[in-house]
Amino acid sequence: MNRKILETKDLSFSYEEGRMALNHLSVEIYEKEKIAVLGANGAGKSTFFLNLNGVREPEEGEIFLYGNRIDRKNRRELIKNVGIVFQDADSQIIASTVKAEVAFGPLNMKLPRQEVEERTINALERLDLQAYAERPPHYLSGGEKKRVSIADILAMDSPIIIFDEPTASLDPVNADMLEKILEELEQEGKTILLSTHDVDFAYRFADRVLVFCEGKLIADRKPENIFRDEKILKRANLKKPVLVEVYEMLKQKNLLQKKTPQKNPLQEKLLSKEPLQESVRTEEEEHYPRTLAEIEALL
């Protein structure tokens, strides 16, 4: 098993008295995981991310990075190791040119000038931003700004990268580019957390899903186990991905010619203690297809 890289214990945070944005969250995050964080607007996803990144300080509970407890003295370690791409790119962009914006993070890390230059150029190339290097970022389109904000974090080379609604403001071409970047980050061994309202994207991307509702973590499971749980979907106001709906329809109409592979649920680690999370079953559970090719293979 990969080592634990980040952990929260009984994490709580509120913006105003009487309304808990986060309510005693306990989560363990491991190296190289791909985690989708789902939930309705106001469920606590962005607040959770801001606490993990050190932008916000929890009112109660603890955060551990590589096993070390985070406090005010070492909070910069979170900023250094946990990069975040904000949902609103304008809130992240501060420099006068795209190149200066992308270089800002590495410069702040006090890296050698040559390494800053190399990281900046590499990030610009990966996001296809070379032609925009000397342009003011605030005059770019929403999708272009989003690409700049992603390049910001790539240049910092953080081991943990958070994307808050990364597909917002992206057209299909840029959305495909984002998925390619995510695949590259996975190959590089990065730990990735992202929030999204696009359940189809979450289903094909994540190997683990956290579901938030009213500041609480109500489910922590593999994607196929989340999206076939009607109680979880209803409580969190989530839809089923199209692939799940297609597979269940074909199965109901007895149109599948081959049995789906089985997975042993004892291999799953269910971390949340919320009542809606089922205990580990002793019987084998059905593995849902994650791609069209898998469904076609069953026809």
Protein backbone atom coordinates (compact mmCIF):
# COMPACT_ATOMS: atom_id res chain seq x y z
CA MET A 1 0.00 0.00 0.00
CA ASN A 2 1.16 3.54 -0.77
CA ARG A 3 2.10 5.59 2.26
CA LYS A 4 -0.24 8.03 3.91
CA ILE A 5 0.57 11.53 2.72
CA LEU A 6 -2.18 13.72 4.19
CA GLU A 7 -4.71 13.22 6.98
CA THR A 8 -7.42 15.18 8.75
CA LYS A 9 -8.83 14.26 12.15
CA ASP A 10 -12.17 15.73 13.30
CA LEU A 11 -11.65 18.78 11.09
CA SER A 12 -14.24 21.53 11.64
CA PHE A 13 -14.60 25.01 10.19
CA SER A 14 -17.33 27.65 10.08
CA TYR A 15 -17.62 31.00 8.31
CA GLU A 16 -20.27 32.33 10.64
CA GLU A 17 -21.55 31.36 14.05
CA GLY A 18 -23.99 28.48 13.96
CA ARG A 19 -23.26 27.27 10.41
CA MET A 20 -20.64 24.56 10.12
CA ALA A 21 -18.96 24.51 6.71
CA LEU A 22 -16.99 21.42 7.77
CA ASN A 23 -18.28 19.16 10.51
CA HIS A 24 -15.70 16.82 12.11
CA LEU A 25 -14.12 15.45 8.93
CA SER A 26 -11.66 12.60 9.23
CA VAL A 27 -9.98 11.56 5.98
CA GLU A 28 -6.78 9.72 5.09
CA ILE A 29 -5.16 10.42 1.71
CA TYR A 30 -2.46 8.23 0.22
CA GLU A 31 0.26 8.82 -2.36
CA LYS A 32 -0.75 8.51 -6.03
CA GLU A 33 -4.49 8.44 -5.32
CA LYS A 34 -6.97 10.01 -7.73
CA ILE A 35 -9.86 11.30 -5.64
CA ALA A 36 -13.05 12.98 -6.84
CA VAL A 37 -14.87 15.10 -4.25
CA LEU A 38 -18.58 15.37 -5.00
CA GLY A 39 -21.52 17.19 -3.48
CA ALA A 40 -23.96 20.02 -4.07
CA ASN A 41 -22.96 23.69 -3.92
CA GLY A 42 -22.32 24.63 -0.30
CA ALA A 43 -21.57 21.05 0.75
CA GLY A 44 -18.08 22.02 1.98
CA LYS A 45 -15.85 20.86 -0.87
CA SER A 46 -14.01 24.15 -1.48
CA THR A 47 -13.67 24.83 2.25
CA PHE A 48 -12.15 21.38 2.68
CA PHE A 49 -9.62 22.14 -0.05
CA LEU A 50 -8.69 25.53 1.47
CA ASN A 51 -7.99 23.86 4.81
CA LEU A 52 -5.83 21.20 3.16
CA ASN A 53 -3.85 23.90 1.35
CA GLY A 54 -3.32 26.05 4.44
CA VAL A 55 -5.28 29.03 3.14
CA ARG A 56 -7.83 28.47 5.93
CA GLU A 57 -7.06 27.38 9.47
CA PRO A 58 -9.44 24.83 11.05
CA GLU A 59 -11.32 25.83 14.19
CA GLU A 60 -11.15 22.29 15.52
CA GLY A 61 -9.33 19.13 14.59
CA GLU A 62 -5.91 18.39 13.18
CA ILE A 63 -4.15 18.09 9.84
CA PHE A 64 -1.13 15.85 9.34
CA LEU A 65 1.29 16.03 6.40
CA TYR A 66 3.62 13.04 6.04
CA GLY A 67 2.73 12.17 9.63
CA ASN A 68 3.69 15.60 11.01
CA ARG A 69 1.01 17.63 12.76
CA ILE A 70 0.45 21.02 11.11
CA ASP A 71 0.31 24.13 13.29
CA ARG A 72 0.85 27.84 12.75
CA LYS A 73 4.62 27.45 12.80
CA ASN A 74 4.80 24.95 9.96
CA ARG A 75 1.63 25.84 8.02
CA ARG A 76 3.77 26.89 5.04
CA GLU A 77 4.53 23.20 4.54
CA LEU A 78 0.93 22.75 3.39
CA ILE A 79 1.26 25.62 0.91
CA LYS A 80 4.53 24.14 -0.36
CA ASN A 81 3.29 20.55 -0.72
CA VAL A 82 -0.39 21.02 -1.57
CA GLY A 83 -0.99 23.04 -4.74
CA ILE A 84 -4.50 24.23 -5.52
CA VAL A 85 -6.13 25.40 -8.75
CA PHE A 86 -9.03 27.60 -7.67
CA GLN A 87 -12.45 27.47 -9.28
CA ASP A 88 -12.27 31.20 -10.05
CA ALA A 89 -9.07 31.77 -11.99
CA ASP A 90 -9.22 35.55 -11.41
CA SER A 91 -8.81 35.00 -7.66
CA GLN A 92 -5.51 33.21 -8.31
CA ILE A 93 -3.92 35.43 -10.98
CA ILE A 94 -1.89 38.40 -9.71
CA ALA A 95 1.01 39.09 -12.12
CA SER A 96 1.16 41.46 -15.09
CA THR A 97 2.11 38.85 -17.70
CA VAL A 98 1.34 35.16 -18.14
CA LYS A 99 5.01 34.20 -17.83
CA ALA A 100 5.46 36.23 -14.64
CA GLU A 101 2.31 34.65 -13.24
CA VAL A 102 3.54 31.11 -13.86
CA ALA A 103 6.99 31.98 -12.47
CA PHE A 104 5.57 33.50 -9.27
CA GLY A 105 5.20 30.21 -7.36
CA PRO A 106 8.71 28.87 -8.06
CA LEU A 107 10.20 32.29 -7.26
CA ASN A 108 8.33 32.31 -3.96
CA MET A 109 9.88 28.92 -3.20
CA LYS A 110 13.30 30.66 -3.52
CA LEU A 111 14.49 28.27 -6.22
CA PRO A 112 17.57 29.07 -8.35
CA ARG A 113 16.80 31.42 -11.24
CA GLN A 114 17.67 28.80 -13.86
CA GLU A 115 15.31 26.24 -12.31
CA VAL A 116 12.52 28.85 -12.13
CA GLU A 117 12.99 29.56 -15.85
CA GLU A 118 12.96 25.86 -16.74
CA ARG A 119 9.84 25.15 -14.70
CA THR A 120 8.05 28.17 -16.15
CA ILE A 121 8.80 27.30 -19.76
CA ASN A 122 7.84 23.66 -19.20
CA ALA A 123 4.49 24.63 -17.63
CA LEU A 124 3.72 27.08 -20.44
CA GLU A 125 4.45 24.40 -23.04
CA ARG A 126 2.31 21.77 -21.30
CA LEU A 127 -0.70 24.12 -21.31
CA ASP A 128 0.01 25.43 -24.83
CA LEU A 129 0.52 28.97 -23.51
CA GLN A 130 3.82 29.93 -25.16
CA ALA A 131 2.13 32.44 -27.46
CA TYR A 132 0.53 34.16 -24.45
CA ALA A 133 3.72 34.44 -22.36
CA GLU A 134 4.01 38.24 -22.52
CA ARG A 135 0.30 39.00 -22.53
CA PRO A 136 -1.59 40.36 -19.50
CA PRO A 137 -3.50 37.37 -18.07
CA HIS A 138 -6.50 39.45 -16.97
CA TYR A 139 -7.41 40.10 -20.62
CA LEU A 140 -7.54 36.43 -21.56
CA SER A 141 -10.73 34.38 -21.95
CA GLY A 142 -12.11 32.33 -19.08
CA GLY A 143 -10.70 29.09 -20.49
CA GLU A 144 -7.28 30.66 -21.12
CA LYS A 145 -7.18 32.00 -17.56
CA LYS A 146 -7.99 28.54 -16.28
CA ARG A 147 -5.04 27.13 -18.24
CA VAL A 148 -2.78 29.82 -16.73
CA SER A 149 -3.92 28.92 -13.22
CA ILE A 150 -3.19 25.24 -13.90
CA ALA A 151 0.26 26.16 -15.26
CA ASP A 152 0.87 28.08 -11.99
CA ILE A 153 0.55 24.89 -9.98
CA LEU A 154 2.42 22.66 -12.44
CA ALA A 155 5.40 25.00 -12.18
CA MET A 156 5.48 24.53 -8.39
CA ASP A 157 5.68 20.73 -8.83
CA SER A 158 3.73 20.01 -5.63
CA PRO A 159 3.33 16.31 -4.72
CA ILE A 160 -0.38 16.88 -3.95
CA ILE A 161 -2.48 18.86 -6.42
CA ILE A 162 -6.06 19.99 -5.83
CA PHE A 163 -8.38 21.08 -8.65
CA ASP A 164 -11.52 22.94 -7.57
CA GLU A 165 -14.02 22.58 -10.43
CA PRO A 166 -11.27 22.34 -13.07
CA THR A 167 -13.63 21.86 -16.04
CA ALA A 168 -15.55 25.09 -15.33
CA SER A 169 -15.08 27.65 -18.16
CA LEU A 170 -13.39 25.08 -20.40
CA ASP A 171 -14.59 24.30 -23.92
CA PRO A 172 -14.35 20.67 -25.14
CA VAL A 173 -10.85 21.14 -26.59
CA ASN A 174 -9.47 22.57 -23.35
CA ALA A 175 -11.36 19.97 -21.31
CA ASP A 176 -9.60 17.23 -23.31
CA MET A 177 -6.28 19.00 -22.66
CA LEU A 178 -7.06 19.01 -18.93
CA GLU A 179 -7.70 15.26 -18.93
CA LYS A 180 -4.40 14.74 -20.72
CA ILE A 181 -2.63 16.82 -18.05
CA LEU A 182 -4.31 14.74 -15.32
CA GLU A 183 -3.09 11.54 -16.99
CA GLU A 184 0.45 12.94 -17.11
CA LEU A 185 0.29 13.93 -13.44
CA GLU A 186 -0.88 10.42 -12.58
CA GLN A 187 2.09 8.96 -14.46
CA GLU A 188 4.38 11.30 -12.53
CA GLY A 189 3.08 9.86 -9.26
CA LYS A 190 1.16 12.94 -8.10
CA THR A 191 -1.72 12.70 -5.63
CA ILE A 192 -4.76 14.36 -7.19
CA LEU A 193 -7.97 15.61 -5.60
CA LEU A 194 -10.62 17.37 -7.63
CA SER A 195 -14.15 18.57 -7.16
CA THR A 196 -16.62 18.50 -10.00
CA HIS A 197 -20.33 18.46 -10.82
CA ASP A 198 -19.56 16.37 -13.91
CA VAL A 199 -20.31 12.84 -12.68
CA ASP A 200 -19.29 11.28 -16.00
CA PHE A 201 -15.84 12.86 -15.68
CA ALA A 202 -15.56 11.81 -12.02
CA TYR A 203 -16.56 8.23 -12.86
CA ARG A 204 -13.91 7.75 -15.54
CA PHE A 205 -11.20 9.69 -13.68
CA ALA A 206 -11.27 8.70 -10.00
CA ASP A 207 -10.28 5.55 -8.19
CA ARG A 208 -11.93 6.89 -5.02
CA VAL A 209 -14.87 9.22 -4.40
CA LEU A 210 -15.63 11.36 -1.35
CA VAL A 211 -19.22 12.61 -1.09
CA PHE A 212 -19.96 15.74 0.96
CA CYS A 213 -23.33 16.89 2.26
CA GLU A 214 -23.87 19.89 4.55
CA GLY A 215 -20.25 19.90 5.70
CA LYS A 216 -20.14 16.18 6.45
CA LEU A 217 -18.44 13.31 4.66
CA ILE A 218 -21.29 10.89 3.98
CA ALA A 219 -19.49 8.37 1.77
CA ASP A 220 -15.95 7.31 0.90
CA ARG A 221 -15.84 4.47 -1.61
CA LYS A 222 -14.87 3.38 -5.08
CA PRO A 223 -16.81 5.16 -7.87
CA GLU A 224 -18.91 2.16 -8.90
CA ASN A 225 -20.04 1.65 -5.30
CA ILE A 226 -21.00 5.31 -4.93
CA PHE A 227 -23.00 5.55 -8.13
CA ARG A 228 -25.14 2.48 -7.55
CA ASP A 229 -26.14 3.58 -4.06
CA GLU A 230 -29.50 5.31 -4.48
CA LYS A 231 -29.55 6.60 -0.89
CA ILE A 232 -26.21 8.37 -1.26
CA LEU A 233 -27.14 9.83 -4.66
CA LYS A 234 -30.45 11.16 -3.37
CA ARG A 235 -28.98 12.66 -0.20
CA ALA A 236 -26.13 14.38 -2.06
CA ASN A 237 -28.32 15.39 -5.04
CA LEU A 238 -26.12 13.49 -7.52
CA LYS A 239 -27.00 11.85 -10.84
CA LYS A 240 -25.73 8.55 -12.12
CA PRO A 241 -23.07 8.68 -14.86
CA VAL A 242 -24.32 7.79 -18.33
CA LEU A 243 -22.17 4.63 -18.42
CA VAL A 244 -23.73 3.39 -15.19
CA GLU A 245 -27.24 4.05 -16.51
CA VAL A 246 -26.48 2.29 -19.81
CA TYR A 247 -24.95 -0.72 -18.07
CA GLU A 248 -27.87 -1.08 -15.64
CA MET A 249 -30.40 -0.75 -18.48
CA LEU A 250 -28.65 -3.45 -20.54
CA LYS A 251 -28.45 -5.69 -17.50
CA GLN A 252 -32.13 -5.18 -16.67
CA LYS A 253 -33.13 -6.10 -20.22
CA ASN A 254 -30.87 -9.19 -20.14
CA LEU A 255 -28.85 -7.92 -23.09
CA LEU A 256 -25.45 -8.72 -21.58
CA GLN A 257 -24.01 -11.99 -22.80
CA LYS A 258 -21.09 -12.27 -20.42
CA LYS A 259 -20.83 -11.95 -16.69
CA THR A 260 -19.02 -8.94 -15.29
CA PRO A 261 -15.84 -9.56 -13.31
CA GLN A 262 -16.21 -9.69 -9.56
CA LYS A 263 -14.23 -7.78 -6.97
CA ASN A 264 -13.79 -8.62 -3.33
CA PRO A 265 -15.05 -5.68 -1.22
CA LEU A 266 -12.67 -6.65 1.59
CA GLN A 267 -10.04 -4.89 -0.50
CA GLU A 268 -11.92 -1.63 -0.11
CA LYS A 269 -11.11 0.74 2.72
CA LEU A 270 -14.21 2.61 3.85
CA LEU A 271 -12.99 5.46 5.97
CA SER A 272 -16.07 7.54 6.78
CA LYS A 273 -18.12 6.60 9.84
CA GLU A 274 -21.38 8.11 8.60
CA PRO A 275 -24.47 5.86 8.93
CA LEU A 276 -25.04 5.79 5.18
CA GLN A 277 -21.77 4.01 4.62
CA GLU A 278 -22.34 0.28 4.53
CA SER A 279 -20.13 -2.11 6.42
CA VAL A 280 -17.80 -4.28 4.39
CA ARG A 281 -19.78 -7.13 2.88
CA THR A 282 -18.51 -10.68 3.02
CA GLU A 283 -19.88 -11.68 -0.40
CA GLU A 284 -18.30 -10.59 -3.66
CA GLU A 285 -19.65 -7.47 -5.34
CA GLU A 286 -20.18 -6.78 -9.00
CA HIS A 287 -17.64 -4.65 -10.81
CA TYR A 288 -19.27 -1.97 -12.99
CA PRO A 289 -17.70 -1.13 -16.37
CA ARG A 290 -15.80 2.16 -16.40
CA THR A 291 -15.48 2.59 -20.18
CA LEU A 292 -17.57 2.02 -23.31
CA ALA A 293 -15.08 -0.61 -24.40
CA GLU A 294 -15.80 -2.62 -21.25
CA ILE A 295 -19.54 -2.48 -21.94
CA GLU A 296 -19.04 -3.49 -25.58
CA ALA A 297 -17.02 -6.49 -24.40
CA LEU A 298 -20.05 -7.69 -22.45
CA LEU A 299 -22.47 -7.54 -25.38
